[in-house]
Amino acid sequence: MTVTDTLVPLLLLLLVILVVGGGVLFVRSRRQGGQGVAKRGSRQAQAQAEELDTVASWEPSSTRLLTGPEREAHQTLRRALPEHMILAQVPLARFIKVPTRNSYAEWMRRVGGLCADIVVCDATSQVVAVVEIRNPIARDKDRAQRRQARMDRVLEAAGIPVHVWLEGALPGPAVARETVLGGPMVFMTKSGATLVDTAVRAKVPPVSAGTSLEGLAVQEGVEVDLNLGADTEGPRPVSTWFESEHSGAAPLGPR
């Protein structure tokens, strides 16, 4: 065997190693370059977003806080529970505490910023129950249903009763009082919320100031009202709460 015969395999092996090593270095450099470009693009986009003026770029205008069914439910609860505080559209983060061993910002992103439609509190502002005004489930989008189920789970874990009333079939004051304060005519949904049987509505005369509905039975003068499709309020007010599927994170600057 000559020296040439010995060197040829070694040269071929060295050539293969150089080719493979060069390919690995090339791929790694391309990947790092792509990540660098993405990071620079992200920083530039963030800088551009923070330069936008809060008022000029998002021109604000006033809108109604509650929909028609929510206003009706709020008025009903004020009549039914005159000794309680009835609050509307309260973010969960205002009345629920969570440990901070995990990211609080992530909890806020998932559920803390969601609003309970109506919150019933005692005289010391301690939450007694939450009332949600919702569409019949067939009308809700999947995203809305997932959001509602997530909120129901959190409220249930916090020990706060959730009562779901359907739009177009809201209960009267007597039914509302017995439902919220522990009366009958409720059952559990799959998500853990308490759904009131709003197919019947109690006939209750208007309650004067200082008058309590305590002692009224839900069977007194009931009438059937199953018109779930009625909409006497016309179009709903435009709102941007949780409805945009394309909203991105908006860092809050000092502006």
Protein backbone atom coordinates (compact mmCIF):
# COMPACT_ATOMS: atom_id res chain seq x y z
CA MET A 1 0.00 0.00 0.00
CA THR A 2 1.41 3.35 -1.06
CA VAL A 3 1.28 6.66 0.77
CA THR A 4 -1.24 7.93 -1.77
CA ASP A 5 -3.61 5.06 -1.01
CA THR A 6 -3.48 5.99 2.69
CA LEU A 7 -4.01 9.72 2.22
CA VAL A 8 -6.99 9.53 -0.15
CA PRO A 9 -9.50 8.19 2.47
CA LEU A 10 -8.26 10.72 5.01
CA LEU A 11 -8.68 13.58 2.57
CA LEU A 12 -12.18 12.40 1.67
CA LEU A 13 -13.11 12.16 5.37
CA LEU A 14 -11.74 15.65 6.01
CA LEU A 15 -13.70 17.00 3.05
CA VAL A 16 -16.93 15.46 4.35
CA ILE A 17 -16.33 16.96 7.81
CA LEU A 18 -15.72 20.40 6.31
CA VAL A 19 -18.87 20.22 4.18
CA VAL A 20 -21.08 19.09 7.08
CA GLY A 21 -19.59 21.63 9.48
CA GLY A 22 -20.01 24.42 6.96
CA GLY A 23 -23.65 23.46 6.40
CA VAL A 24 -24.36 23.48 10.14
CA LEU A 25 -22.75 26.89 10.57
CA PHE A 26 -24.70 28.26 7.61
CA VAL A 27 -28.04 27.03 8.93
CA ARG A 28 -27.29 28.37 12.41
CA SER A 29 -26.30 31.78 11.10
CA ARG A 30 -29.45 32.00 8.97
CA ARG A 31 -31.61 31.08 11.94
CA GLN A 32 -29.94 33.59 14.24
CA GLY A 33 -30.19 36.21 11.52
CA GLY A 34 -33.92 35.54 11.13
CA GLN A 35 -34.45 35.79 14.89
CA GLY A 36 -32.49 39.02 14.96
CA VAL A 37 -34.61 40.48 12.17
CA ALA A 38 -37.80 39.39 13.97
CA LYS A 39 -36.62 40.96 17.22
CA ARG A 40 -35.65 44.18 15.49
CA GLY A 41 -39.01 44.25 13.71
CA SER A 42 -40.83 43.65 17.00
CA ARG A 43 -38.90 46.43 18.73
CA GLN A 44 -39.58 48.80 15.85
CA ALA A 45 -43.30 47.97 15.88
CA GLN A 46 -43.43 48.47 19.66
CA ALA A 47 -41.61 51.79 19.38
CA GLN A 48 -43.98 52.95 16.65
CA ALA A 49 -47.00 51.90 18.73
CA GLU A 50 -45.74 53.77 21.79
CA GLU A 51 -45.23 56.90 19.72
CA LEU A 52 -48.94 57.00 18.86
CA ASP A 53 -50.91 59.55 20.81
CA THR A 54 -53.51 57.93 23.07
CA VAL A 55 -56.29 60.37 22.17
CA ALA A 56 -55.44 61.27 18.58
CA SER A 57 -54.84 57.68 17.47
CA TRP A 58 -57.86 56.23 19.27
CA GLU A 59 -60.42 59.02 19.23
CA PRO A 60 -62.72 58.33 22.21
CA SER A 61 -66.49 58.68 22.28
CA SER A 62 -69.04 57.87 24.95
CA THR A 63 -71.25 54.79 24.66
CA ARG A 64 -73.90 53.13 26.79
CA LEU A 65 -72.59 51.00 29.63
CA LEU A 66 -75.43 48.46 29.56
CA THR A 67 -77.53 46.83 26.89
CA GLY A 68 -81.33 46.90 27.10
CA PRO A 69 -81.65 43.48 28.80
CA GLU A 70 -78.85 44.39 31.22
CA ARG A 71 -80.61 47.61 32.19
CA GLU A 72 -83.86 45.73 32.72
CA ALA A 73 -82.11 43.13 34.89
CA HIS A 74 -80.36 45.87 36.88
CA GLN A 75 -83.65 47.65 37.57
CA THR A 76 -85.29 44.36 38.55
CA LEU A 77 -82.54 43.58 41.05
CA ARG A 78 -82.71 47.08 42.53
CA ARG A 79 -86.43 46.55 43.14
CA ALA A 80 -85.96 42.99 44.38
CA LEU A 81 -83.00 43.67 46.69
CA PRO A 82 -83.33 47.26 47.98
CA GLU A 83 -81.07 46.50 50.95
CA HIS A 84 -78.22 45.38 48.66
CA MET A 85 -75.75 47.24 46.43
CA ILE A 86 -76.28 46.43 42.74
CA LEU A 87 -73.22 47.15 40.58
CA ALA A 88 -72.84 46.68 36.84
CA GLN A 89 -69.96 45.70 34.55
CA VAL A 90 -67.40 45.05 37.28
CA PRO A 91 -64.02 43.54 36.25
CA LEU A 92 -63.27 40.29 38.05
CA ALA A 93 -59.97 41.72 39.25
CA ARG A 94 -61.93 44.24 41.36
CA PHE A 95 -63.52 41.60 43.59
CA ILE A 96 -61.35 38.47 43.25
CA LYS A 97 -57.87 38.00 44.74
CA VAL A 98 -55.40 35.40 43.47
CA PRO A 99 -51.92 34.34 44.66
CA THR A 100 -49.04 36.01 42.84
CA ARG A 101 -46.67 33.04 42.73
CA ASN A 102 -47.54 32.84 39.03
CA SER A 103 -47.71 35.77 36.62
CA TYR A 104 -50.51 38.13 37.64
CA ALA A 105 -50.33 39.75 34.21
CA GLU A 106 -51.09 36.38 32.62
CA TRP A 107 -54.09 35.89 34.93
CA MET A 108 -55.32 39.35 33.98
CA ARG A 109 -54.95 38.45 30.30
CA ARG A 110 -56.92 35.24 30.74
CA VAL A 111 -59.77 36.31 32.96
CA GLY A 112 -59.02 39.25 35.28
CA GLY A 113 -60.12 41.83 32.72
CA LEU A 114 -63.46 40.14 32.06
CA CYS A 115 -66.48 41.96 33.48
CA ALA A 116 -69.37 40.47 35.42
CA ASP A 117 -72.63 41.89 34.06
CA ILE A 118 -74.20 42.56 37.47
CA VAL A 119 -72.66 42.10 40.92
CA VAL A 120 -74.89 41.90 44.00
CA CYS A 121 -73.18 43.07 47.20
CA ASP A 122 -74.26 43.41 50.82
CA ALA A 123 -74.12 46.69 52.71
CA THR A 124 -70.36 46.27 53.28
CA SER A 125 -69.71 45.77 49.52
CA GLN A 126 -69.01 42.05 50.02
CA VAL A 127 -70.05 40.17 46.88
CA VAL A 128 -73.14 38.00 47.40
CA ALA A 129 -73.75 36.81 43.84
CA VAL A 130 -73.08 37.53 40.19
CA VAL A 131 -75.86 37.74 37.60
CA GLU A 132 -74.96 37.19 33.95
CA ILE A 133 -77.32 38.26 31.15
CA ARG A 134 -76.69 36.02 28.16
CA ASN A 135 -78.14 34.98 24.84
CA PRO A 136 -79.62 31.52 24.41
CA ILE A 137 -76.55 29.33 23.95
CA ALA A 138 -77.30 28.63 20.27
CA ARG A 139 -76.84 32.34 19.46
CA ASP A 140 -73.46 32.79 21.13
CA LYS A 141 -70.19 32.42 19.28
CA ASP A 142 -67.78 29.70 20.37
CA ARG A 143 -65.31 32.30 21.57
CA ALA A 144 -67.95 33.96 23.75
CA GLN A 145 -68.99 30.60 25.19
CA ARG A 146 -65.39 29.73 26.09
CA ARG A 147 -64.95 33.13 27.73
CA GLN A 148 -68.16 32.71 29.72
CA ALA A 149 -67.22 29.18 30.82
CA ARG A 150 -63.79 30.40 31.96
CA MET A 151 -65.36 33.19 34.01
CA ASP A 152 -67.92 30.78 35.51
CA ARG A 153 -65.13 28.43 36.62
CA VAL A 154 -63.23 31.24 38.33
CA LEU A 155 -66.31 32.54 40.13
CA GLU A 156 -67.29 29.04 41.23
CA ALA A 157 -63.78 28.41 42.58
CA ALA A 158 -64.03 31.70 44.50
CA GLY A 159 -67.30 30.55 46.08
CA ILE A 160 -69.40 33.21 44.35
CA PRO A 161 -72.80 32.01 43.06
CA VAL A 162 -73.41 32.71 39.37
CA HIS A 163 -76.97 33.16 38.13
CA VAL A 164 -77.46 33.15 34.35
CA TRP A 165 -80.55 34.92 33.01
CA LEU A 166 -81.52 34.70 29.37
CA GLU A 167 -82.20 37.78 27.28
CA GLY A 168 -85.89 38.09 26.48
CA ALA A 169 -86.92 35.94 29.46
CA LEU A 170 -85.79 37.86 32.53
CA PRO A 171 -87.44 37.06 35.87
CA GLY A 172 -89.55 39.50 37.84
CA PRO A 173 -88.51 40.93 41.23
CA ALA A 174 -89.99 38.12 43.34
CA VAL A 175 -88.30 35.37 41.34
CA ALA A 176 -85.07 37.36 41.25
CA ARG A 177 -85.05 37.80 45.03
CA GLU A 178 -85.71 34.16 45.81
CA THR A 179 -83.13 33.08 43.23
CA VAL A 180 -80.30 35.32 44.42
CA LEU A 181 -80.98 34.82 48.12
CA GLY A 182 -81.25 31.05 47.88
CA GLY A 183 -84.72 30.27 46.58
CA PRO A 184 -85.79 27.41 44.33
CA MET A 185 -86.20 27.26 40.53
CA VAL A 186 -82.48 27.01 39.69
CA PHE A 187 -80.31 24.29 38.19
CA MET A 188 -76.65 23.90 37.29
CA THR A 189 -75.22 24.28 33.80
CA LYS A 190 -72.29 22.23 32.49
CA SER A 191 -69.92 25.11 33.17
CA GLY A 192 -70.99 25.26 36.82
CA ALA A 193 -73.21 28.34 36.59
CA THR A 194 -76.67 28.49 38.15
CA LEU A 195 -79.34 28.94 35.48
CA VAL A 196 -82.65 30.34 36.65
CA ASP A 197 -85.83 29.00 35.08
CA THR A 198 -86.87 32.25 33.43
CA ALA A 199 -89.71 30.69 31.49
CA VAL A 200 -92.02 32.06 34.20
CA ARG A 201 -92.13 35.66 35.34
CA ALA A 202 -93.70 36.83 38.58
CA LYS A 203 -96.36 39.55 38.45
CA VAL A 204 -95.18 41.94 41.13
CA PRO A 205 -96.42 45.52 41.53
CA PRO A 206 -93.78 48.26 41.53
CA VAL A 207 -91.97 48.47 44.86
CA SER A 208 -91.96 51.84 46.54
CA ALA A 209 -88.84 53.20 48.18
CA GLY A 210 -87.92 51.31 51.35
CA THR A 211 -90.32 48.45 50.63
CA SER A 212 -88.92 44.92 50.76
CA LEU A 213 -90.18 42.00 48.69
CA GLU A 214 -89.39 39.59 51.50
CA GLY A 215 -92.15 37.02 51.94
CA LEU A 216 -93.42 37.02 48.36
CA ALA A 217 -93.61 33.57 46.85
CA VAL A 218 -92.47 32.91 43.31
CA GLN A 219 -95.78 31.19 42.58
CA GLU A 220 -97.79 34.38 43.09
CA GLY A 221 -99.36 35.39 39.81
CA VAL A 222 -96.96 33.89 37.29
CA GLU A 223 -97.25 34.41 33.58
CA VAL A 224 -95.45 32.61 30.78
CA ASP A 225 -93.12 34.69 28.65
CA LEU A 226 -91.02 32.67 26.21
CA ASN A 227 -90.42 35.33 23.56
CA LEU A 228 -86.66 34.95 23.31
CA GLY A 229 -86.48 36.70 19.97
CA ALA A 230 -87.98 40.03 20.98
CA ASP A 231 -85.68 42.99 20.84
CA THR A 232 -87.45 46.17 21.88
CA GLU A 233 -84.25 48.13 22.29
CA GLY A 234 -83.19 48.19 18.65
CA PRO A 235 -79.52 47.86 17.73
CA ARG A 236 -77.06 47.37 20.55
CA PRO A 237 -74.51 50.06 21.33
CA VAL A 238 -71.20 49.58 19.65
CA SER A 239 -68.61 48.23 22.06
CA THR A 240 -65.07 46.93 21.69
CA TRP A 241 -65.13 44.76 24.82
CA PHE A 242 -63.54 41.37 23.95
CA GLU A 243 -65.20 41.13 20.55
CA SER A 244 -62.25 41.74 18.24
CA GLU A 245 -60.48 38.55 17.27
CA HIS A 246 -57.56 40.48 15.81
CA SER A 247 -56.72 42.80 18.67
CA GLY A 248 -53.07 42.65 19.61
CA ALA A 249 -51.27 43.58 22.79
CA ALA A 250 -51.15 47.33 23.30
CA PRO A 251 -48.35 48.39 25.69
CA LEU A 252 -49.39 51.24 27.91
CA GLY A 253 -46.90 54.09 27.87
CA PRO A 254 -46.88 57.29 29.87
CA ARG A 255 -48.93 59.14 27.25
